[in-house]
Amino acid sequence: MKLWEIAHSRTGDKGNISNISLIAYDIKDYPLLAEKVTVEAVKKHYKDIVKGKVVRYELPQLGAMNFVMYEALGGGVTRTLAQDMHGKSLSSYLLDMDIDV
């Protein structure tokens, strides 16, 4: 199953750090997200993009989690040669992640 089937996402940036939220459409799906979308799984999914650590913050009362990914934007907005300097497409990339159900 693709994450986009049960969740939506938003992203932000600060320097060379990308901040990606993952929010369940239905709070009943949050335990599945918490189980399957681990730091390790996210790090593996972004292995060619994120060079630093990944930290997950959980917000179960909202059915959401937030991933902070360091060294994720090619040096930051003023240094990167990437077309998506702010990394806005990184949230769509997360939603394309497969999880086993």
N, C-alpha and C. Protein backbone atom coordinates (compact mmCIF):
# COMPACT_ATOMS: atom_id res chain seq x y z
N MET A 1 0.85 -1.17 0.00
CA MET A 1 0.00 0.00 0.00
C MET A 1 0.90 1.24 0.00
N LYS A 2 0.50 2.23 -0.74
CA LYS A 2 1.20 3.52 -0.74
C LYS A 2 0.67 4.37 0.41
N LEU A 3 1.54 5.17 0.99
CA LEU A 3 1.11 6.02 2.10
C LEU A 3 0.03 7.00 1.70
N TRP A 4 0.04 7.45 0.45
CA TRP A 4 -0.97 8.43 0.02
C TRP A 4 -2.39 7.89 0.13
N GLU A 5 -2.53 6.57 0.25
CA GLU A 5 -3.87 5.98 0.37
C GLU A 5 -4.49 6.24 1.75
N ILE A 6 -3.64 6.46 2.77
CA ILE A 6 -4.18 6.63 4.13
C ILE A 6 -3.70 7.91 4.82
N ALA A 7 -2.87 8.70 4.13
CA ALA A 7 -2.31 9.88 4.80
C ALA A 7 -2.01 11.00 3.81
N HIS A 8 -1.85 12.18 4.34
CA HIS A 8 -1.38 13.32 3.54
C HIS A 8 -0.18 13.91 4.23
N SER A 9 0.47 14.86 3.57
CA SER A 9 1.75 15.34 4.08
C SER A 9 1.96 16.81 3.72
N ARG A 10 2.80 17.45 4.51
CA ARG A 10 3.24 18.83 4.26
C ARG A 10 4.73 18.88 4.52
N THR A 11 5.39 19.85 3.96
CA THR A 11 6.82 19.98 4.18
C THR A 11 7.23 21.43 4.38
N GLY A 12 8.34 21.59 5.05
CA GLY A 12 8.93 22.91 5.25
C GLY A 12 10.44 22.77 5.26
N ASP A 13 11.14 23.88 5.33
CA ASP A 13 12.59 23.82 5.32
C ASP A 13 13.18 24.94 6.15
N LYS A 14 14.39 24.72 6.58
CA LYS A 14 15.17 25.74 7.28
C LYS A 14 16.63 25.37 7.03
N GLY A 15 17.30 26.18 6.25
CA GLY A 15 18.68 25.88 5.91
C GLY A 15 18.76 24.58 5.13
N ASN A 16 19.52 23.63 5.65
CA ASN A 16 19.71 22.33 4.99
C ASN A 16 18.87 21.24 5.65
N ILE A 17 17.81 21.65 6.34
CA ILE A 17 16.94 20.73 7.07
C ILE A 17 15.56 20.72 6.44
N SER A 18 15.04 19.52 6.19
CA SER A 18 13.68 19.37 5.69
C SER A 18 12.82 18.82 6.82
N ASN A 19 11.62 19.36 6.95
CA ASN A 19 10.67 19.01 7.99
C ASN A 19 9.42 18.50 7.27
N ILE A 20 9.09 17.22 7.46
CA ILE A 20 7.97 16.63 6.74
C ILE A 20 6.96 16.04 7.71
N SER A 21 5.72 16.46 7.59
CA SER A 21 4.65 15.91 8.42
C SER A 21 3.96 14.77 7.67
N LEU A 22 3.43 13.83 8.41
CA LEU A 22 2.63 12.74 7.85
C LEU A 22 1.39 12.66 8.72
N ILE A 23 0.22 12.87 8.12
CA ILE A 23 -1.03 12.96 8.87
C ILE A 23 -2.04 11.96 8.32
N ALA A 24 -2.52 11.09 9.18
CA ALA A 24 -3.51 10.10 8.77
C ALA A 24 -4.83 10.79 8.43
N TYR A 25 -5.46 10.35 7.34
CA TYR A 25 -6.80 10.86 7.02
C TYR A 25 -7.78 10.45 8.13
N ASP A 26 -7.63 9.22 8.60
CA ASP A 26 -8.48 8.67 9.67
C ASP A 26 -7.56 8.31 10.83
N ILE A 27 -7.81 8.87 11.99
CA ILE A 27 -6.95 8.65 13.15
C ILE A 27 -6.81 7.16 13.49
N LYS A 28 -7.74 6.35 13.06
CA LYS A 28 -7.66 4.90 13.29
C LYS A 28 -6.47 4.28 12.57
N ASP A 29 -5.96 4.95 11.54
CA ASP A 29 -4.80 4.44 10.80
C ASP A 29 -3.47 4.87 11.40
N TYR A 30 -3.51 5.72 12.41
CA TYR A 30 -2.26 6.19 13.01
C TYR A 30 -1.38 5.06 13.56
N PRO A 31 -1.93 4.06 14.27
CA PRO A 31 -1.06 2.98 14.76
C PRO A 31 -0.31 2.26 13.63
N LEU A 32 -0.95 2.09 12.50
CA LEU A 32 -0.29 1.47 11.35
C LEU A 32 0.86 2.35 10.86
N LEU A 33 0.60 3.65 10.76
CA LEU A 33 1.66 4.57 10.35
C LEU A 33 2.82 4.55 11.35
N ALA A 34 2.50 4.57 12.64
CA ALA A 34 3.54 4.57 13.67
C ALA A 34 4.39 3.31 13.61
N GLU A 35 3.75 2.20 13.28
CA GLU A 35 4.47 0.93 13.19
C GLU A 35 5.34 0.84 11.94
N LYS A 36 4.84 1.28 10.82
CA LYS A 36 5.50 1.06 9.53
C LYS A 36 6.42 2.19 9.08
N VAL A 37 6.10 3.42 9.45
CA VAL A 37 6.88 4.56 8.97
C VAL A 37 7.87 4.95 10.07
N THR A 38 8.88 4.12 10.20
CA THR A 38 9.90 4.31 11.22
C THR A 38 11.01 5.23 10.71
N VAL A 39 11.85 5.65 11.61
CA VAL A 39 13.02 6.45 11.21
C VAL A 39 13.86 5.66 10.20
N GLU A 40 14.05 4.39 10.48
CA GLU A 40 14.86 3.56 9.58
C GLU A 40 14.24 3.46 8.19
N ALA A 41 12.91 3.27 8.13
CA ALA A 41 12.23 3.17 6.85
C ALA A 41 12.32 4.48 6.07
N VAL A 42 12.17 5.60 6.76
CA VAL A 42 12.25 6.91 6.10
C VAL A 42 13.67 7.17 5.62
N LYS A 43 14.64 6.87 6.46
CA LYS A 43 16.05 7.06 6.08
C LYS A 43 16.37 6.22 4.83
N LYS A 44 15.89 4.99 4.79
CA LYS A 44 16.12 4.12 3.63
C LYS A 44 15.42 4.69 2.39
N HIS A 45 14.20 5.17 2.56
CA HIS A 45 13.42 5.70 1.44
C HIS A 45 14.12 6.93 0.82
N TYR A 46 14.75 7.75 1.65
CA TYR A 46 15.42 8.97 1.20
C TYR A 46 16.94 8.80 1.11
N LYS A 47 17.42 7.58 0.98
CA LYS A 47 18.85 7.30 1.07
C LYS A 47 19.71 8.10 0.10
N ASP A 48 19.19 8.44 -1.05
CA ASP A 48 19.97 9.20 -2.03
C ASP A 48 19.84 10.71 -1.84
N ILE A 49 18.99 11.13 -0.93
CA ILE A 49 18.73 12.56 -0.73
C ILE A 49 19.21 13.05 0.63
N VAL A 50 18.86 12.34 1.68
CA VAL A 50 19.17 12.77 3.04
C VAL A 50 20.53 12.20 3.46
N LYS A 51 21.46 13.07 3.75
CA LYS A 51 22.81 12.66 4.14
C LYS A 51 23.00 12.65 5.65
N GLY A 52 22.13 13.28 6.40
CA GLY A 52 22.25 13.35 7.86
C GLY A 52 21.23 12.47 8.55
N LYS A 53 21.01 12.78 9.82
CA LYS A 53 20.09 11.97 10.62
C LYS A 53 18.63 12.34 10.35
N VAL A 54 17.76 11.42 10.72
CA VAL A 54 16.32 11.61 10.63
C VAL A 54 15.76 11.44 12.04
N VAL A 55 14.93 12.38 12.48
CA VAL A 55 14.31 12.32 13.80
C VAL A 55 12.79 12.33 13.61
N ARG A 56 12.10 11.45 14.33
CA ARG A 56 10.63 11.38 14.24
C ARG A 56 10.02 11.89 15.53
N TYR A 57 9.05 12.78 15.39
CA TYR A 57 8.27 13.28 16.52
C TYR A 57 6.84 12.80 16.33
N GLU A 58 6.26 12.23 17.37
CA GLU A 58 4.92 11.65 17.28
C GLU A 58 3.88 12.57 17.91
N LEU A 59 2.75 12.66 17.25
CA LEU A 59 1.60 13.43 17.73
C LEU A 59 0.36 12.54 17.62
N PRO A 60 0.28 11.49 18.45
CA PRO A 60 -0.81 10.52 18.31
C PRO A 60 -2.20 11.13 18.48
N GLN A 61 -2.32 12.15 19.32
CA GLN A 61 -3.63 12.77 19.52
C GLN A 61 -4.14 13.46 18.26
N LEU A 62 -3.23 13.76 17.34
CA LEU A 62 -3.59 14.36 16.06
C LEU A 62 -3.55 13.35 14.91
N GLY A 63 -3.09 12.14 15.19
CA GLY A 63 -2.93 11.14 14.15
C GLY A 63 -1.80 11.51 13.20
N ALA A 64 -0.77 12.13 13.74
CA ALA A 64 0.29 12.66 12.89
C ALA A 64 1.68 12.39 13.47
N MET A 65 2.65 12.51 12.61
CA MET A 65 4.05 12.49 13.03
C MET A 65 4.81 13.47 12.17
N ASN A 66 5.95 13.87 12.67
CA ASN A 66 6.77 14.85 11.97
C ASN A 66 8.19 14.29 11.87
N PHE A 67 8.76 14.35 10.68
CA PHE A 67 10.12 13.90 10.46
C PHE A 67 11.00 15.11 10.18
N VAL A 68 12.09 15.22 10.92
CA VAL A 68 13.07 16.27 10.69
C VAL A 68 14.29 15.58 10.09
N MET A 69 14.64 15.99 8.88
CA MET A 69 15.72 15.34 8.14
C MET A 69 16.86 16.34 7.93
N TYR A 70 18.00 16.00 8.48
CA TYR A 70 19.17 16.87 8.43
C TYR A 70 20.01 16.57 7.19
N GLU A 71 20.67 17.60 6.69
CA GLU A 71 21.49 17.50 5.47
C GLU A 71 20.65 16.91 4.33
N ALA A 72 19.50 17.53 4.12
CA ALA A 72 18.53 17.00 3.17
C ALA A 72 18.30 17.86 1.94
N LEU A 73 18.88 19.05 1.90
CA LEU A 73 18.55 19.97 0.82
C LEU A 73 19.77 20.43 0.03
N GLY A 74 20.76 19.56 -0.07
CA GLY A 74 21.92 19.87 -0.89
C GLY A 74 22.69 21.10 -0.45
N GLY A 75 22.69 21.37 0.84
CA GLY A 75 23.41 22.52 1.36
C GLY A 75 22.50 23.68 1.76
N GLY A 76 21.26 23.64 1.35
CA GLY A 76 20.32 24.71 1.68
C GLY A 76 19.95 25.53 0.45
N VAL A 77 18.95 26.34 0.61
CA VAL A 77 18.37 27.09 -0.51
C VAL A 77 19.39 27.94 -1.26
N THR A 78 20.29 28.58 -0.55
CA THR A 78 21.23 29.47 -1.23
C THR A 78 22.45 28.74 -1.78
N ARG A 79 22.57 27.44 -1.51
CA ARG A 79 23.75 26.69 -1.96
C ARG A 79 23.45 25.56 -2.93
N THR A 80 22.25 25.06 -2.92
CA THR A 80 21.93 23.88 -3.72
C THR A 80 21.77 24.22 -5.20
N LEU A 81 22.02 23.22 -6.02
CA LEU A 81 21.78 23.34 -7.46
C LEU A 81 20.49 22.63 -7.86
N ALA A 82 19.77 22.11 -6.87
CA ALA A 82 18.52 21.39 -7.13
C ALA A 82 17.44 22.33 -7.64
N GLN A 83 16.59 21.83 -8.51
CA GLN A 83 15.47 22.63 -9.01
C GLN A 83 14.46 22.93 -7.91
N ASP A 84 14.26 21.97 -7.02
CA ASP A 84 13.33 22.13 -5.90
C ASP A 84 14.14 22.56 -4.68
N MET A 85 14.57 23.80 -4.66
CA MET A 85 15.49 24.30 -3.63
C MET A 85 14.94 24.14 -2.22
N HIS A 86 13.63 24.29 -2.04
CA HIS A 86 13.02 24.22 -0.72
C HIS A 86 12.60 22.79 -0.35
N GLY A 87 12.72 21.86 -1.28
CA GLY A 87 12.37 20.47 -1.00
C GLY A 87 10.89 20.23 -0.85
N LYS A 88 10.05 21.04 -1.48
CA LYS A 88 8.60 20.89 -1.33
C LYS A 88 8.10 19.55 -1.87
N SER A 89 8.78 19.00 -2.86
CA SER A 89 8.35 17.72 -3.43
C SER A 89 8.71 16.53 -2.54
N LEU A 90 9.50 16.76 -1.49
CA LEU A 90 9.88 15.65 -0.61
C LEU A 90 8.68 15.06 0.13
N SER A 91 7.65 15.86 0.37
CA SER A 91 6.45 15.31 1.02
C SER A 91 5.71 14.36 0.07
N SER A 92 5.66 14.70 -1.20
CA SER A 92 5.03 13.81 -2.19
C SER A 92 5.83 12.51 -2.31
N TYR A 93 7.14 12.64 -2.22
CA TYR A 93 7.98 11.45 -2.29
C TYR A 93 7.72 10.53 -1.09
N LEU A 94 7.52 11.10 0.09
CA LEU A 94 7.20 10.27 1.25
C LEU A 94 5.89 9.52 1.03
N LEU A 95 4.89 10.20 0.48
CA LEU A 95 3.59 9.56 0.26
C LEU A 95 3.65 8.45 -0.77
N ASP A 96 4.70 8.41 -1.57
CA ASP A 96 4.88 7.34 -2.56
C ASP A 96 5.54 6.10 -1.94
N MET A 97 5.88 6.18 -0.67
CA MET A 97 6.51 5.05 0.02
C MET A 97 5.53 3.90 0.18
N ASP A 98 6.01 2.69 -0.06
CA ASP A 98 5.20 1.48 0.12
C ASP A 98 5.33 0.98 1.55
N ILE A 99 4.21 0.53 2.12
CA ILE A 99 4.25 -0.15 3.41
C ILE A 99 3.49 -1.47 3.26
N ASP A 100 3.94 -2.48 3.98
CA ASP A 100 3.26 -3.78 3.99
C ASP A 100 2.12 -3.73 5.00
N VAL A 101 0.97 -4.20 4.57
CA VAL A 101 -0.20 -4.21 5.46
C VAL A 101 -0.64 -5.65 5.66
